Each structure stands twice: as structure tokens, then as C-alpha cells.
């Protein structure tokens, strides 16, 4: 069984966006992944995080995976297989469905934001790293932005 935590962040809506992913197998952290994904809405970044997580998981066990997200909309839409209205999301959803079909069983679980704070930090760090290496002025006007300072005890708690 593989356990995946995903998060997408957007600084503005749309705004500078990043994704964070952690993957656990047999109660062991096997991957931490963060990526700057461009100027997107928050929901687009959440779906990009899901897509990238599925792509990465193709290299691991293809039988049973559980995806944890603090985005209720993503969890509800994936559980109910809802058809999306926005064209950009429909294209992304087709890609996600094609990836999902490569797995035997996928479960989607909603978790509170407090239990997903480590991947939120990974996603925010990806945006920060992008701007720090590209000397670009940041758009930081969103109330969605989270700035978290973690110590080792907090990181361990995130995976309990």
C-alpha cells in the first residue's frame, strides 16, 4: 500500500503556484517532491499535484494507493467522478483519469489542513525557491498562502 499526501498552493487566484507531494510505503517516507508550476488558480494547482503524484507512483506499487488531500473539492470530485465545467480542468481531468486507470485501487481521503501542513510547506518552498533563483518580484497577496516554520518534532507529527 502506498500513501500519498498532496497539496497545491497559489499566491493569488490565479497566482504563482507550487505543488507538494510526499509518498510513504510500509510506514516509511520514500519521497518528498516540490515543484513550481506557474501562474495558476488554487484548484488548478491542486489537480496538478494529483496528476504529478500519480505519474510518480507509476514507478512504485500499482495495486493500492491512498491519496490524502486537504482540498475537499478535489476529493469530492474524484470520489464522485464529477464532470468538470472549466475547459482547462477537463483536459487535466482526462489525463488524471488515464493515470488512475493504470492502478488497481485508488482511495481518496480528505484530511484537515493541519494534518497536511508538511506538503503545504513543500509546495510553498517550491514557489519560494523558484523566485529566489529567478530574481522575480513575488505576488504574495493571497490569504491562501501559508508560511510555516517546522522543527523535527513537527515534521514527525505530520506523518503520524
C-alpha atoms as a PDB file:
ATOM      1  CA  UNK A   1       0.000   0.000   0.000  1.00  0.00           C
ATOM      2  CA  UNK A   2       1.219   3.479  -0.900  1.00  0.00           C
ATOM      3  CA  UNK A   3       0.084   6.590   0.974  1.00  0.00           C
ATOM      4  CA  UNK A   4       0.358   9.937  -0.786  1.00  0.00           C
ATOM      5  CA  UNK A   5      -0.160  13.427   0.609  1.00  0.00           C
ATOM      6  CA  UNK A   6      -0.689  16.182  -1.972  1.00  0.00           C
ATOM      7  CA  UNK A   7      -1.150  19.930  -1.859  1.00  0.00           C
ATOM      8  CA  UNK A   8      -1.266  22.782  -4.322  1.00  0.00           C
ATOM      9  CA  UNK A   9      -0.717  26.424  -3.380  1.00  0.00           C
ATOM     10  CA  UNK A  10      -1.436  29.605  -5.258  1.00  0.00           C
ATOM     11  CA  UNK A  11      -0.319  33.063  -4.199  1.00  0.00           C
ATOM     12  CA  UNK A  12      -3.204  34.921  -5.701  1.00  0.00           C
ATOM     13  CA  UNK A  13      -6.031  33.304  -7.598  1.00  0.00           C
ATOM     14  CA  UNK A  14      -4.561  32.962 -10.164  1.00  0.00           C
ATOM     15  CA  UNK A  15      -1.036  33.481  -8.950  1.00  0.00           C
ATOM     16  CA  UNK A  16       2.383  31.924  -8.533  1.00  0.00           C
ATOM     17  CA  UNK A  17       1.715  28.269  -7.771  1.00  0.00           C
ATOM     18  CA  UNK A  18       3.530  25.258  -6.422  1.00  0.00           C
ATOM     19  CA  UNK A  19       2.827  21.658  -5.548  1.00  0.00           C
ATOM     20  CA  UNK A  20       3.964  19.416  -2.730  1.00  0.00           C
ATOM     21  CA  UNK A  21       3.868  15.622  -2.599  1.00  0.00           C
ATOM     22  CA  UNK A  22       5.015  13.047  -0.072  1.00  0.00           C
ATOM     23  CA  UNK A  23       4.889   9.308  -0.642  1.00  0.00           C
ATOM     24  CA  UNK A  24       5.011   6.627   2.070  1.00  0.00           C
ATOM     25  CA  UNK A  25       5.305   2.890   1.601  1.00  0.00           C
ATOM     26  CA  UNK A  26       5.273   0.427   4.507  1.00  0.00           C
ATOM     27  CA  UNK A  27       5.222   3.323   7.011  1.00  0.00           C
ATOM     28  CA  UNK A  28       8.435   4.723   5.542  1.00  0.00           C
ATOM     29  CA  UNK A  29       8.784   8.076   3.801  1.00  0.00           C
ATOM     30  CA  UNK A  30      10.187   7.310   0.366  1.00  0.00           C
ATOM     31  CA  UNK A  31       9.767  10.613  -1.499  1.00  0.00           C
ATOM     32  CA  UNK A  32       9.336  14.342  -0.932  1.00  0.00           C
ATOM     33  CA  UNK A  33       8.597  16.290  -4.112  1.00  0.00           C
ATOM     34  CA  UNK A  34       8.014  20.004  -4.680  1.00  0.00           C
ATOM     35  CA  UNK A  35       7.666  21.927  -7.943  1.00  0.00           C
ATOM     36  CA  UNK A  36       6.846  25.442  -9.087  1.00  0.00           C
ATOM     37  CA  UNK A  37       4.058  25.019 -11.677  1.00  0.00           C
ATOM     38  CA  UNK A  38       3.480  28.560 -12.989  1.00  0.00           C
ATOM     39  CA  UNK A  39       0.628  31.030 -12.710  1.00  0.00           C
ATOM     40  CA  UNK A  40      -2.487  29.018 -11.897  1.00  0.00           C
ATOM     41  CA  UNK A  41      -5.597  29.080  -9.741  1.00  0.00           C
ATOM     42  CA  UNK A  42      -5.560  27.232  -6.457  1.00  0.00           C
ATOM     43  CA  UNK A  43      -7.775  24.410  -7.758  1.00  0.00           C
ATOM     44  CA  UNK A  44      -5.594  24.009 -10.854  1.00  0.00           C
ATOM     45  CA  UNK A  45      -2.513  23.638  -8.662  1.00  0.00           C
ATOM     46  CA  UNK A  46      -4.330  21.031  -6.529  1.00  0.00           C
ATOM     47  CA  UNK A  47      -5.133  18.977  -9.643  1.00  0.00           C
ATOM     48  CA  UNK A  48      -1.580  19.367 -10.983  1.00  0.00           C
ATOM     49  CA  UNK A  49      -0.341  17.979  -7.643  1.00  0.00           C
ATOM     50  CA  UNK A  50      -2.662  14.983  -8.042  1.00  0.00           C
ATOM     51  CA  UNK A  51      -1.549  14.357 -11.617  1.00  0.00           C
ATOM     52  CA  UNK A  52       2.146  14.576 -10.752  1.00  0.00           C
ATOM     53  CA  UNK A  53       1.665  12.259  -7.744  1.00  0.00           C
ATOM     54  CA  UNK A  54       0.011   9.634  -9.958  1.00  0.00           C
ATOM     55  CA  UNK A  55       2.809   9.946 -12.529  1.00  0.00           C
ATOM     56  CA  UNK A  56       5.431   9.443  -9.834  1.00  0.00           C
ATOM     57  CA  UNK A  57       3.573   6.477  -8.319  1.00  0.00           C
ATOM     58  CA  UNK A  58       3.699   4.591 -11.612  1.00  0.00           C
ATOM     59  CA  UNK A  59       7.284   3.765 -10.615  1.00  0.00           C
ATOM     60  CA  UNK A  60       6.072   2.077  -7.435  1.00  0.00           C
ATOM     61  CA  UNK A  61       3.300  -0.372  -6.495  1.00  0.00           C
ATOM     62  CA  UNK A  62       0.400  -0.141  -8.964  1.00  0.00           C
ATOM     63  CA  UNK A  63      -2.077  -2.014  -6.814  1.00  0.00           C
ATOM     64  CA  UNK A  64      -3.382   0.076  -3.929  1.00  0.00           C
ATOM     65  CA  UNK A  65      -2.785   3.741  -3.263  1.00  0.00           C
ATOM     66  CA  UNK A  66      -4.463   6.171  -0.906  1.00  0.00           C
ATOM     67  CA  UNK A  67      -4.309   9.880  -1.647  1.00  0.00           C
ATOM     68  CA  UNK A  68      -4.756  12.393   1.161  1.00  0.00           C
ATOM     69  CA  UNK A  69      -5.669  15.983   0.335  1.00  0.00           C
ATOM     70  CA  UNK A  70      -6.870  18.991   2.283  1.00  0.00           C
ATOM     71  CA  UNK A  71      -8.815  20.155  -0.782  1.00  0.00           C
ATOM     72  CA  UNK A  72     -12.361  18.952  -0.266  1.00  0.00           C
ATOM     73  CA  UNK A  73     -13.307  19.837  -3.850  1.00  0.00           C
ATOM     74  CA  UNK A  74     -10.656  17.521  -5.330  1.00  0.00           C
ATOM     75  CA  UNK A  75     -11.577  14.648  -3.000  1.00  0.00           C
ATOM     76  CA  UNK A  76     -15.315  15.005  -3.679  1.00  0.00           C
ATOM     77  CA  UNK A  77     -14.859  15.308  -7.443  1.00  0.00           C
ATOM     78  CA  UNK A  78     -12.568  12.288  -7.648  1.00  0.00           C
ATOM     79  CA  UNK A  79     -14.819  10.141  -5.464  1.00  0.00           C
ATOM     80  CA  UNK A  80     -17.955  11.051  -7.414  1.00  0.00           C
ATOM     81  CA  UNK A  81     -16.232  11.210 -10.824  1.00  0.00           C
ATOM     82  CA  UNK A  82     -17.912  14.581 -11.425  1.00  0.00           C
ATOM     83  CA  UNK A  83     -17.634  16.138 -14.879  1.00  0.00           C
ATOM     84  CA  UNK A  84     -15.874  19.487 -14.688  1.00  0.00           C
ATOM     85  CA  UNK A  85     -17.078  22.624 -16.470  1.00  0.00           C
ATOM     86  CA  UNK A  86     -13.851  24.566 -16.929  1.00  0.00           C
ATOM     87  CA  UNK A  87     -12.101  23.519 -20.162  1.00  0.00           C
ATOM     88  CA  UNK A  88      -8.559  23.603 -18.715  1.00  0.00           C
ATOM     89  CA  UNK A  89      -9.634  21.376 -15.829  1.00  0.00           C
ATOM     90  CA  UNK A  90     -11.453  18.940 -18.140  1.00  0.00           C
ATOM     91  CA  UNK A  91      -8.242  18.375 -20.122  1.00  0.00           C
ATOM     92  CA  UNK A  92      -6.289  17.873 -16.907  1.00  0.00           C
ATOM     93  CA  UNK A  93      -9.009  15.547 -15.582  1.00  0.00           C
ATOM     94  CA  UNK A  94      -8.783  13.329 -18.686  1.00  0.00           C
ATOM     95  CA  UNK A  95      -5.049  12.984 -18.046  1.00  0.00           C
ATOM     96  CA  UNK A  96      -5.713  12.119 -14.391  1.00  0.00           C
ATOM     97  CA  UNK A  97      -8.357   9.514 -15.323  1.00  0.00           C
ATOM     98  CA  UNK A  98      -5.924   7.892 -17.779  1.00  0.00           C
ATOM     99  CA  UNK A  99      -3.349   7.683 -14.986  1.00  0.00           C
ATOM    100  CA  UNK A 100      -5.905   6.368 -12.460  1.00  0.00           C
ATOM    101  CA  UNK A 101      -6.778   3.545 -14.858  1.00  0.00           C
ATOM    102  CA  UNK A 102      -3.227   2.233 -14.514  1.00  0.00           C
ATOM    103  CA  UNK A 103      -3.789   1.469 -10.824  1.00  0.00           C
ATOM    104  CA  UNK A 104      -5.813  -1.376  -9.351  1.00  0.00           C
ATOM    105  CA  UNK A 105      -7.380   0.611  -6.498  1.00  0.00           C
ATOM    106  CA  UNK A 106      -7.238   4.306  -5.571  1.00  0.00           C
ATOM    107  CA  UNK A 107      -8.828   5.759  -2.459  1.00  0.00           C
ATOM    108  CA  UNK A 108      -9.217   9.493  -1.906  1.00  0.00           C
ATOM    109  CA  UNK A 109      -9.325  10.820   1.632  1.00  0.00           C
ATOM    110  CA  UNK A 110      -9.987  14.352   2.844  1.00  0.00           C
ATOM    111  CA  UNK A 111      -7.823  15.455   5.771  1.00  0.00           C
ATOM    112  CA  UNK A 112      -7.802  18.749   7.659  1.00  0.00           C
ATOM    113  CA  UNK A 113      -5.201  21.284   6.596  1.00  0.00           C
ATOM    114  CA  UNK A 114      -3.385  20.879   9.932  1.00  0.00           C
ATOM    115  CA  UNK A 115      -2.638  17.238   9.070  1.00  0.00           C
ATOM    116  CA  UNK A 116      -1.307  18.211   5.639  1.00  0.00           C
ATOM    117  CA  UNK A 117       0.980  21.038   6.704  1.00  0.00           C
ATOM    118  CA  UNK A 118       4.237  19.374   5.679  1.00  0.00           C
ATOM    119  CA  UNK A 119       3.279  19.110   1.976  1.00  0.00           C
ATOM    120  CA  UNK A 120       1.906  22.662   2.180  1.00  0.00           C
ATOM    121  CA  UNK A 121       5.391  23.728   3.274  1.00  0.00           C
ATOM    122  CA  UNK A 122       6.980  21.705   0.457  1.00  0.00           C
ATOM    123  CA  UNK A 123       4.701  23.430  -2.093  1.00  0.00           C
ATOM    124  CA  UNK A 124       5.388  26.899  -0.667  1.00  0.00           C
ATOM    125  CA  UNK A 125       9.123  26.183  -0.577  1.00  0.00           C
ATOM    126  CA  UNK A 126       8.976  25.267  -4.288  1.00  0.00           C
ATOM    127  CA  UNK A 127       7.479  28.693  -5.072  1.00  0.00           C
ATOM    128  CA  UNK A 128       9.998  30.454  -2.823  1.00  0.00           C
ATOM    129  CA  UNK A 129      12.904  28.575  -4.407  1.00  0.00           C
ATOM    130  CA  UNK A 130      11.693  29.487  -7.893  1.00  0.00           C
ATOM    131  CA  UNK A 131      11.578  33.189  -7.068  1.00  0.00           C
ATOM    132  CA  UNK A 132      14.868  33.104  -5.176  1.00  0.00           C
ATOM    133  CA  UNK A 133      16.658  31.588  -8.183  1.00  0.00           C
ATOM    134  CA  UNK A 134      14.919  33.716 -10.828  1.00  0.00           C
ATOM    135  CA  UNK A 135      15.017  37.176  -9.160  1.00  0.00           C
ATOM    136  CA  UNK A 136      11.362  37.830  -9.945  1.00  0.00           C
ATOM    137  CA  UNK A 137       9.007  40.004  -7.902  1.00  0.00           C
ATOM    138  CA  UNK A 138       6.541  37.827  -5.997  1.00  0.00           C
ATOM    139  CA  UNK A 139       2.765  38.123  -5.974  1.00  0.00           C
ATOM    140  CA  UNK A 140       2.008  37.424  -2.318  1.00  0.00           C
ATOM    141  CA  UNK A 141      -1.413  38.976  -1.899  1.00  0.00           C
ATOM    142  CA  UNK A 142      -3.343  35.769  -1.248  1.00  0.00           C
ATOM    143  CA  UNK A 143      -4.850  34.827   2.067  1.00  0.00           C
ATOM    144  CA  UNK A 144      -4.350  31.215   0.933  1.00  0.00           C
ATOM    145  CA  UNK A 145      -0.583  31.497   1.367  1.00  0.00           C
ATOM    146  CA  UNK A 146       0.830  29.628   4.348  1.00  0.00           C
ATOM    147  CA  UNK A 147       4.206  30.272   5.831  1.00  0.00           C
ATOM    148  CA  UNK A 148       5.127  27.508   8.249  1.00  0.00           C
ATOM    149  CA  UNK A 149       8.228  27.042  10.328  1.00  0.00           C
ATOM    150  CA  UNK A 150       8.806  23.423  11.211  1.00  0.00           C
ATOM    151  CA  UNK A 151      11.112  21.708  13.629  1.00  0.00           C
ATOM    152  CA  UNK A 152      11.941  17.996  13.592  1.00  0.00           C
ATOM    153  CA  UNK A 153       9.176  17.176  16.088  1.00  0.00           C
ATOM    154  CA  UNK A 154       6.575  18.900  13.860  1.00  0.00           C
ATOM    155  CA  UNK A 155       7.763  17.009  10.775  1.00  0.00           C
ATOM    156  CA  UNK A 156       7.414  13.662  12.574  1.00  0.00           C
ATOM    157  CA  UNK A 157       3.906  14.582  13.740  1.00  0.00           C
ATOM    158  CA  UNK A 158       2.861  15.334  10.161  1.00  0.00           C
ATOM    159  CA  UNK A 159       3.228  11.675   9.262  1.00  0.00           C
ATOM    160  CA  UNK A 160       1.502  10.175  12.303  1.00  0.00           C
END
